[in-house]
C-alpha atoms as a PDB file:
ATOM      1  CA  MET A   1     -16.949  -7.024 -43.051  1.00  0.00           C
ATOM      2  CA  THR A   2     -19.353  -8.299 -45.697  1.00  0.00           C
ATOM      3  CA  LEU A   3     -20.890 -11.749 -45.572  1.00  0.00           C
ATOM      4  CA  ALA A   4     -18.890 -12.794 -48.646  1.00  0.00           C
ATOM      5  CA  HIS A   5     -15.654 -11.512 -47.103  1.00  0.00           C
ATOM      6  CA  ALA A   6     -16.304 -13.397 -43.864  1.00  0.00           C
ATOM      7  CA  ARG A   7     -17.157 -16.584 -45.782  1.00  0.00           C
ATOM      8  CA  ARG A   8     -13.992 -16.328 -47.876  1.00  0.00           C
ATOM      9  CA  GLN A   9     -11.933 -15.850 -44.729  1.00  0.00           C
ATOM     10  CA  GLU A  10     -13.530 -18.961 -43.217  1.00  0.00           C
ATOM     11  CA  LEU A  11     -12.850 -20.823 -46.465  1.00  0.00           C
ATOM     12  CA  LEU A  12      -9.162 -19.880 -46.294  1.00  0.00           C
ATOM     13  CA  GLU A  13      -8.975 -20.983 -42.661  1.00  0.00           C
ATOM     14  CA  LEU A  14     -10.497 -24.360 -43.544  1.00  0.00           C
ATOM     15  CA  LEU A  15      -7.987 -24.832 -46.350  1.00  0.00           C
ATOM     16  CA  GLN A  16      -5.065 -23.902 -44.111  1.00  0.00           C
ATOM     17  CA  ALA A  17      -6.218 -26.336 -41.419  1.00  0.00           C
ATOM     18  CA  GLU A  18      -6.940 -29.217 -43.803  1.00  0.00           C
ATOM     19  CA  GLY A  19      -4.280 -28.632 -46.458  1.00  0.00           C
ATOM     20  CA  GLY A  20      -6.841 -28.745 -49.272  1.00  0.00           C
ATOM     21  CA  LEU A  21     -10.459 -29.788 -49.744  1.00  0.00           C
ATOM     22  CA  ARG A  22     -12.800 -30.614 -52.591  1.00  0.00           C
ATOM     23  CA  THR A  23     -15.378 -28.056 -53.635  1.00  0.00           C
ATOM     24  CA  ALA A  24     -18.260 -30.262 -52.444  1.00  0.00           C
ATOM     25  CA  GLU A  25     -16.703 -30.653 -49.001  1.00  0.00           C
ATOM     26  CA  LEU A  26     -16.078 -26.913 -48.702  1.00  0.00           C
ATOM     27  CA  ALA A  27     -19.709 -26.254 -49.657  1.00  0.00           C
ATOM     28  CA  ARG A  28     -20.953 -28.741 -47.057  1.00  0.00           C
ATOM     29  CA  ARG A  29     -18.805 -27.276 -44.289  1.00  0.00           C
ATOM     30  CA  LEU A  30     -19.700 -23.681 -45.132  1.00  0.00           C
ATOM     31  CA  GLY A  31     -23.402 -24.395 -45.686  1.00  0.00           C
ATOM     32  CA  VAL A  32     -23.454 -22.886 -49.175  1.00  0.00           C
ATOM     33  CA  SER A  33     -23.790 -24.171 -52.730  1.00  0.00           C
ATOM     34  CA  GLU A  34     -20.877 -25.513 -54.746  1.00  0.00           C
ATOM     35  CA  ALA A  35     -21.421 -22.612 -57.169  1.00  0.00           C
ATOM     36  CA  THR A  36     -20.849 -20.150 -54.316  1.00  0.00           C
ATOM     37  CA  VAL A  37     -17.659 -21.962 -53.327  1.00  0.00           C
ATOM     38  CA  ARG A  38     -16.431 -21.926 -56.935  1.00  0.00           C
ATOM     39  CA  ARG A  39     -17.053 -18.159 -57.149  1.00  0.00           C
ATOM     40  CA  ASP A  40     -15.251 -17.606 -53.846  1.00  0.00           C
ATOM     41  CA  LEU A  41     -12.311 -19.777 -54.937  1.00  0.00           C
ATOM     42  CA  ALA A  42     -12.073 -17.882 -58.231  1.00  0.00           C
ATOM     43  CA  GLU A  43     -12.038 -14.540 -56.409  1.00  0.00           C
ATOM     44  CA  LEU A  44      -9.431 -15.699 -53.880  1.00  0.00           C
ATOM     45  CA  GLU A  45      -7.277 -17.040 -56.708  1.00  0.00           C
ATOM     46  CA  ARG A  46      -7.630 -13.727 -58.573  1.00  0.00           C
ATOM     47  CA  GLN A  47      -6.412 -11.972 -55.419  1.00  0.00           C
ATOM     48  CA  GLY A  48      -3.427 -14.340 -55.254  1.00  0.00           C
ATOM     49  CA  ARG A  49      -4.534 -15.772 -51.895  1.00  0.00           C
ATOM     50  CA  LEU A  50      -4.730 -19.417 -53.024  1.00  0.00           C
ATOM     51  CA  ARG A  51      -3.998 -21.794 -55.871  1.00  0.00           C
ATOM     52  CA  ARG A  52      -6.830 -23.867 -57.263  1.00  0.00           C
ATOM     53  CA  VAL A  53      -6.566 -27.448 -58.467  1.00  0.00           C
ATOM     54  CA  HIS A  54      -9.135 -29.517 -60.345  1.00  0.00           C
ATOM     55  CA  GLY A  55     -12.039 -30.183 -57.977  1.00  0.00           C
ATOM     56  CA  GLY A  56     -11.029 -27.864 -55.132  1.00  0.00           C
ATOM     57  CA  ALA A  57      -8.168 -25.886 -53.643  1.00  0.00           C
END
């Protein structure tokens, strides 16, 4: 499993547990930049694994 894949899985688990979080909060919890979170959210949305809303998912 790649680092990006593991991070995206953790991101999905956070969203499932919390019901939705802002990009800044996801970045803080994952220890990455907001840009990284936005890229991960875009990829997960492209895969049909989540639905994004303004400011988070």
